[in-house]
Amino acid sequence: MNVFEAIETRKSIRSYNPRELEEEQLMRILEAGRLAPSWQNKQCWQFVVVKDKDTIGKLALRSGLISKANFFIKDAPVVIVACADPKASGHLNGQDYYLVDVAIAFQQMMLAAWEMNIGTCWLGAFNENKVREILGIPEKIKVVGLSPFGYPKEKDSLYAKAIKTFAGSKKRKNLEKIVHWEKW
């Protein structure tokens, strides 16, 4: 699979096979994040790799903004929490670049995973304080996102199907609606 194939075919996975990831695969995923570009190459990101089933269960049942919305991550063999030290990045034109830096790194990790048939799902609806408490993340560090990493189940769960429909996951705007040539 080449990069564009990974971009075209990657999708959010919400039903996971509990099969463990190989250590080499996990290290390749983390290396993809490490190699990402960042504000003045500051590399402000930090990643918490969670493989312990009890800890993943706590994240699944106690980290959602709306009750137990993230419960589906309980079956994933790995959850990676993407964090940043805002002071190790930049701020310009009202933009905090730690958010951009971590988003680029996390997306590279997700594309690297997809190339190895490992599914992911970027989660942004979480209670940062609960995640911080569960994982012992220092106050000065921002939790930017988290994602399960694992092999997709053959068939989506009813929950996964409902969320896909609700989120409109397959809908993409045409280029004509998002691209401006020369001027706005």
C-alpha atoms as a PDB file:
ATOM      1  CA  MET A   1       0.000   0.000   0.000  1.00  0.00           C
ATOM      2  CA  ASN A   2       1.361   3.414  -0.892  1.00  0.00           C
ATOM      3  CA  VAL A   3       0.684   6.610   1.054  1.00  0.00           C
ATOM      4  CA  PHE A   4      -2.197   7.763  -1.135  1.00  0.00           C
ATOM      5  CA  GLU A   5      -3.883   4.350  -0.890  1.00  0.00           C
ATOM      6  CA  ALA A   6      -3.599   4.572   2.889  1.00  0.00           C
ATOM      7  CA  ILE A   7      -5.124   8.061   2.843  1.00  0.00           C
ATOM      8  CA  GLU A   8      -7.968   6.987   0.543  1.00  0.00           C
ATOM      9  CA  THR A   9      -8.868   3.802   2.417  1.00  0.00           C
ATOM     10  CA  ARG A  10      -8.230   4.675   6.083  1.00  0.00           C
ATOM     11  CA  LYS A  11     -11.364   4.817   8.166  1.00  0.00           C
ATOM     12  CA  SER A  12     -12.256   5.067  11.827  1.00  0.00           C
ATOM     13  CA  ILE A  13     -12.513   1.629  13.403  1.00  0.00           C
ATOM     14  CA  ARG A  14     -14.804   1.118  16.405  1.00  0.00           C
ATOM     15  CA  SER A  15     -14.867  -2.714  16.556  1.00  0.00           C
ATOM     16  CA  TYR A  16     -11.610  -4.420  17.490  1.00  0.00           C
ATOM     17  CA  ASN A  17     -10.299  -7.944  17.494  1.00  0.00           C
ATOM     18  CA  PRO A  18      -8.412  -8.425  20.803  1.00  0.00           C
ATOM     19  CA  ARG A  19      -5.390  -9.930  18.959  1.00  0.00           C
ATOM     20  CA  GLU A  20      -2.168  -8.375  20.266  1.00  0.00           C
ATOM     21  CA  LEU A  21      -0.016  -6.145  18.070  1.00  0.00           C
ATOM     22  CA  GLU A  22       3.508  -7.281  17.390  1.00  0.00           C
ATOM     23  CA  GLU A  23       6.149  -5.220  19.195  1.00  0.00           C
ATOM     24  CA  GLU A  24       7.802  -4.396  15.856  1.00  0.00           C
ATOM     25  CA  GLN A  25       4.515  -3.004  14.521  1.00  0.00           C
ATOM     26  CA  LEU A  26       3.985  -0.865  17.597  1.00  0.00           C
ATOM     27  CA  MET A  27       7.521   0.500  17.339  1.00  0.00           C
ATOM     28  CA  ARG A  28       7.002   1.357  13.631  1.00  0.00           C
ATOM     29  CA  ILE A  29       3.829   3.235  14.537  1.00  0.00           C
ATOM     30  CA  LEU A  30       5.632   5.207  17.242  1.00  0.00           C
ATOM     31  CA  GLU A  31       8.549   5.883  14.895  1.00  0.00           C
ATOM     32  CA  ALA A  32       6.110   7.348  12.339  1.00  0.00           C
ATOM     33  CA  GLY A  33       5.024   9.845  14.997  1.00  0.00           C
ATOM     34  CA  ARG A  34       8.592  10.621  16.020  1.00  0.00           C
ATOM     35  CA  LEU A  35       9.489  11.513  12.425  1.00  0.00           C
ATOM     36  CA  ALA A  36       6.661  14.035  11.993  1.00  0.00           C
ATOM     37  CA  PRO A  37       7.390  17.697  11.266  1.00  0.00           C
ATOM     38  CA  SER A  38       6.757  20.204  14.054  1.00  0.00           C
ATOM     39  CA  TRP A  39       7.083  23.880  14.962  1.00  0.00           C
ATOM     40  CA  GLN A  40      10.809  24.682  14.619  1.00  0.00           C
ATOM     41  CA  ASN A  41      11.387  20.931  15.027  1.00  0.00           C
ATOM     42  CA  LYS A  42      10.615  21.272  18.755  1.00  0.00           C
ATOM     43  CA  GLN A  43       8.852  17.861  18.844  1.00  0.00           C
ATOM     44  CA  CYS A  44       6.613  18.860  21.742  1.00  0.00           C
ATOM     45  CA  TRP A  45       4.694  15.582  21.676  1.00  0.00           C
ATOM     46  CA  GLN A  46       4.618  12.838  24.262  1.00  0.00           C
ATOM     47  CA  PHE A  47       2.789   9.534  23.795  1.00  0.00           C
ATOM     48  CA  VAL A  48       1.434   7.281  26.520  1.00  0.00           C
ATOM     49  CA  VAL A  49       1.168   3.705  25.238  1.00  0.00           C
ATOM     50  CA  VAL A  50      -1.384   1.710  27.217  1.00  0.00           C
ATOM     51  CA  LYS A  51      -1.484  -2.078  26.871  1.00  0.00           C
ATOM     52  CA  ASP A  52      -2.769  -3.013  30.326  1.00  0.00           C
ATOM     53  CA  LYS A  53      -6.383  -4.236  29.960  1.00  0.00           C
ATOM     54  CA  ASP A  54      -7.477  -2.784  33.319  1.00  0.00           C
ATOM     55  CA  THR A  55      -6.144   0.652  32.416  1.00  0.00           C
ATOM     56  CA  ILE A  56      -7.727   0.476  28.945  1.00  0.00           C
ATOM     57  CA  GLY A  57     -10.986  -0.480  30.686  1.00  0.00           C
ATOM     58  CA  LYS A  58     -10.757   2.606  32.906  1.00  0.00           C
ATOM     59  CA  LEU A  59     -10.153   4.804  29.858  1.00  0.00           C
ATOM     60  CA  ALA A  60     -13.077   3.124  28.074  1.00  0.00           C
ATOM     61  CA  LEU A  61     -15.561   3.580  30.884  1.00  0.00           C
ATOM     62  CA  ARG A  62     -14.420   6.753  32.653  1.00  0.00           C
ATOM     63  CA  SER A  63     -12.878   9.090  30.074  1.00  0.00           C
ATOM     64  CA  GLY A  64     -15.795   9.998  27.809  1.00  0.00           C
ATOM     65  CA  LEU A  65     -17.457  13.390  27.833  1.00  0.00           C
ATOM     66  CA  ILE A  66     -20.885  11.793  27.444  1.00  0.00           C
ATOM     67  CA  SER A  67     -21.230   8.894  29.884  1.00  0.00           C
ATOM     68  CA  LYS A  68     -19.443   5.838  28.512  1.00  0.00           C
ATOM     69  CA  ALA A  69     -19.134   7.014  24.890  1.00  0.00           C
ATOM     70  CA  ASN A  70     -15.615   5.622  24.529  1.00  0.00           C
ATOM     71  CA  PHE A  71     -16.500   2.138  25.799  1.00  0.00           C
ATOM     72  CA  PHE A  72     -15.681   0.536  22.438  1.00  0.00           C
ATOM     73  CA  ILE A  73     -11.943   0.990  23.018  1.00  0.00           C
ATOM     74  CA  LYS A  74     -12.053  -1.726  25.710  1.00  0.00           C
ATOM     75  CA  ASP A  75     -11.405  -4.455  23.123  1.00  0.00           C
ATOM     76  CA  ALA A  76      -8.383  -2.792  21.508  1.00  0.00           C
ATOM     77  CA  PRO A  77      -5.019  -4.281  22.471  1.00  0.00           C
ATOM     78  CA  VAL A  78      -3.379  -0.829  22.622  1.00  0.00           C
ATOM     79  CA  VAL A  79      -4.533   2.713  23.306  1.00  0.00           C
ATOM     80  CA  ILE A  80      -2.153   5.565  22.582  1.00  0.00           C
ATOM     81  CA  VAL A  81      -2.734   8.910  24.263  1.00  0.00           C
ATOM     82  CA  ALA A  82      -1.219  11.830  22.366  1.00  0.00           C
ATOM     83  CA  CYS A  83      -0.027  14.656  24.609  1.00  0.00           C
ATOM     84  CA  ALA A  84       1.999  17.835  24.301  1.00  0.00           C
ATOM     85  CA  ASP A  85       3.964  20.304  26.340  1.00  0.00           C
ATOM     86  CA  PRO A  86       2.580  23.618  25.020  1.00  0.00           C
ATOM     87  CA  LYS A  87       5.695  25.470  26.221  1.00  0.00           C
ATOM     88  CA  ALA A  88       7.835  23.263  23.981  1.00  0.00           C
ATOM     89  CA  SER A  89       6.043  24.499  20.870  1.00  0.00           C
ATOM     90  CA  GLY A  90       5.111  27.869  19.437  1.00  0.00           C
ATOM     91  CA  HIS A  91       2.277  30.361  19.356  1.00  0.00           C
ATOM     92  CA  LEU A  92       1.741  32.676  16.401  1.00  0.00           C
ATOM     93  CA  ASN A  93      -1.258  34.539  14.961  1.00  0.00           C
ATOM     94  CA  GLY A  94      -3.436  33.258  17.800  1.00  0.00           C
ATOM     95  CA  GLN A  95      -2.557  29.664  16.957  1.00  0.00           C
ATOM     96  CA  ASP A  96      -1.159  27.219  19.502  1.00  0.00           C
ATOM     97  CA  TYR A  97       1.100  25.032  17.382  1.00  0.00           C
ATOM     98  CA  TYR A  98       1.336  22.181  19.881  1.00  0.00           C
ATOM     99  CA  LEU A  99      -2.121  21.153  18.645  1.00  0.00           C
ATOM    100  CA  VAL A 100      -0.915  21.130  15.043  1.00  0.00           C
ATOM    101  CA  ASP A 101       2.316  19.326  15.925  1.00  0.00           C
ATOM    102  CA  VAL A 102       0.545  16.523  17.763  1.00  0.00           C
ATOM    103  CA  ALA A 103      -2.163  16.219  15.105  1.00  0.00           C
ATOM    104  CA  ILE A 104       0.462  15.748  12.382  1.00  0.00           C
ATOM    105  CA  ALA A 105       2.367  13.164  14.420  1.00  0.00           C
ATOM    106  CA  PHE A 106      -0.786  11.264  15.403  1.00  0.00           C
ATOM    107  CA  GLN A 107      -2.062  11.206  11.812  1.00  0.00           C
ATOM    108  CA  GLN A 108       1.271   9.810  10.624  1.00  0.00           C
ATOM    109  CA  MET A 109       0.972   7.105  13.283  1.00  0.00           C
ATOM    110  CA  MET A 110      -2.551   6.272  12.127  1.00  0.00           C
ATOM    111  CA  LEU A 111      -1.521   6.032   8.481  1.00  0.00           C
ATOM    112  CA  ALA A 112       1.453   3.827   9.384  1.00  0.00           C
ATOM    113  CA  ALA A 113      -0.912   1.594  11.378  1.00  0.00           C
ATOM    114  CA  TRP A 114      -3.406   1.376   8.513  1.00  0.00           C
ATOM    115  CA  GLU A 115      -0.634   0.285   6.151  1.00  0.00           C
ATOM    116  CA  MET A 116      -0.178  -2.717   8.487  1.00  0.00           C
ATOM    117  CA  ASN A 117      -3.963  -3.385   8.585  1.00  0.00           C
ATOM    118  CA  ILE A 118      -4.196  -1.937  12.081  1.00  0.00           C
ATOM    119  CA  GLY A 119      -7.232   0.228  12.715  1.00  0.00           C
ATOM    120  CA  THR A 120      -7.492   3.433  14.732  1.00  0.00           C
ATOM    121  CA  CYS A 121     -10.106   5.994  15.732  1.00  0.00           C
ATOM    122  CA  TRP A 122      -9.131   9.521  16.722  1.00  0.00           C
ATOM    123  CA  LEU A 123     -10.997  10.375  19.933  1.00  0.00           C
ATOM    124  CA  GLY A 124     -11.407  13.993  20.863  1.00  0.00           C
ATOM    125  CA  ALA A 125     -14.510  13.668  23.088  1.00  0.00           C
ATOM    126  CA  PHE A 126     -12.805  12.849  26.364  1.00  0.00           C
ATOM    127  CA  ASN A 127     -12.487  14.335  29.808  1.00  0.00           C
ATOM    128  CA  GLU A 128      -8.884  15.534  29.936  1.00  0.00           C
ATOM    129  CA  ASN A 129      -8.765  15.557  33.734  1.00  0.00           C
ATOM    130  CA  LYS A 130      -9.999  11.956  33.951  1.00  0.00           C
ATOM    131  CA  VAL A 131      -7.437  10.805  31.359  1.00  0.00           C
ATOM    132  CA  ARG A 132      -4.730  12.730  33.194  1.00  0.00           C
ATOM    133  CA  GLU A 133      -5.781  11.143  36.513  1.00  0.00           C
ATOM    134  CA  ILE A 134      -5.941   7.578  35.136  1.00  0.00           C
ATOM    135  CA  LEU A 135      -2.513   7.831  33.481  1.00  0.00           C
ATOM    136  CA  GLY A 136      -0.670  10.118  35.900  1.00  0.00           C
ATOM    137  CA  ILE A 137      -0.087  12.803  33.276  1.00  0.00           C
ATOM    138  CA  PRO A 138       1.427  16.010  34.747  1.00  0.00           C
ATOM    139  CA  GLU A 139      -0.710  19.176  34.895  1.00  0.00           C
ATOM    140  CA  LYS A 140       1.547  21.133  32.503  1.00  0.00           C
ATOM    141  CA  ILE A 141       1.000  18.519  29.767  1.00  0.00           C
ATOM    142  CA  LYS A 142      -2.079  18.796  27.514  1.00  0.00           C
ATOM    143  CA  VAL A 143      -3.913  15.674  26.362  1.00  0.00           C
ATOM    144  CA  VAL A 144      -4.672  16.321  22.688  1.00  0.00           C
ATOM    145  CA  GLY A 145      -6.232  13.042  21.582  1.00  0.00           C
ATOM    146  CA  LEU A 146      -6.334   9.333  22.100  1.00  0.00           C
ATOM    147  CA  SER A 147      -6.855   6.373  19.845  1.00  0.00           C
ATOM    148  CA  PRO A 148      -7.238   2.642  20.101  1.00  0.00           C
ATOM    149  CA  PHE A 149      -4.849   0.689  17.857  1.00  0.00           C
ATOM    150  CA  GLY A 150      -5.833  -2.829  16.859  1.00  0.00           C
ATOM    151  CA  TYR A 151      -6.997  -5.211  14.182  1.00  0.00           C
ATOM    152  CA  PRO A 152     -10.530  -4.483  12.971  1.00  0.00           C
ATOM    153  CA  LYS A 153     -13.218  -7.097  13.576  1.00  0.00           C
ATOM    154  CA  GLU A 154     -14.686  -8.678  10.454  1.00  0.00           C
ATOM    155  CA  LYS A 155     -18.090  -7.100  11.156  1.00  0.00           C
ATOM    156  CA  ASP A 156     -18.824  -3.783  12.825  1.00  0.00           C
ATOM    157  CA  SER A 157     -20.732  -3.806  16.099  1.00  0.00           C
ATOM    158  CA  LEU A 158     -24.162  -2.196  16.223  1.00  0.00           C
ATOM    159  CA  TYR A 159     -22.566   0.730  18.100  1.00  0.00           C
ATOM    160  CA  ALA A 160     -19.939   1.186  15.349  1.00  0.00           C
ATOM    161  CA  LYS A 161     -22.626   1.190  12.665  1.00  0.00           C
ATOM    162  CA  ALA A 162     -24.714   3.745  14.554  1.00  0.00           C
ATOM    163  CA  ILE A 163     -21.746   6.084  15.136  1.00  0.00           C
ATOM    164  CA  LYS A 164     -20.691   5.883  11.464  1.00  0.00           C
ATOM    165  CA  THR A 165     -24.187   6.917  10.444  1.00  0.00           C
ATOM    166  CA  PHE A 166     -24.369   9.682  13.048  1.00  0.00           C
ATOM    167  CA  ALA A 167     -20.916  11.051  12.210  1.00  0.00           C
ATOM    168  CA  GLY A 168     -21.419  10.870   8.444  1.00  0.00           C
ATOM    169  CA  SER A 169     -17.970   9.285   8.212  1.00  0.00           C
ATOM    170  CA  LYS A 170     -18.111   8.612   4.476  1.00  0.00           C
ATOM    171  CA  LYS A 171     -19.200  12.114   3.486  1.00  0.00           C
ATOM    172  CA  ARG A 172     -16.429  14.262   1.992  1.00  0.00           C
ATOM    173  CA  LYS A 173     -16.808  17.691   0.457  1.00  0.00           C
ATOM    174  CA  ASN A 174     -15.846  18.094  -3.194  1.00  0.00           C
ATOM    175  CA  LEU A 175     -12.587  19.905  -3.939  1.00  0.00           C
ATOM    176  CA  GLU A 176     -14.580  22.764  -5.483  1.00  0.00           C
ATOM    177  CA  LYS A 177     -16.033  23.518  -2.041  1.00  0.00           C
ATOM    178  CA  ILE A 178     -12.683  23.643  -0.204  1.00  0.00           C
ATOM    179  CA  VAL A 179     -10.057  24.863  -2.683  1.00  0.00           C
ATOM    180  CA  HIS A 180      -9.557  28.488  -3.744  1.00  0.00           C
ATOM    181  CA  TRP A 181      -7.213  29.289  -6.635  1.00  0.00           C
ATOM    182  CA  GLU A 182      -5.081  32.418  -6.425  1.00  0.00           C
ATOM    183  CA  LYS A 183      -7.581  34.283  -4.166  1.00  0.00           C
ATOM    184  CA  TRP A 184     -10.456  33.412  -1.870  1.00  0.00           C
END
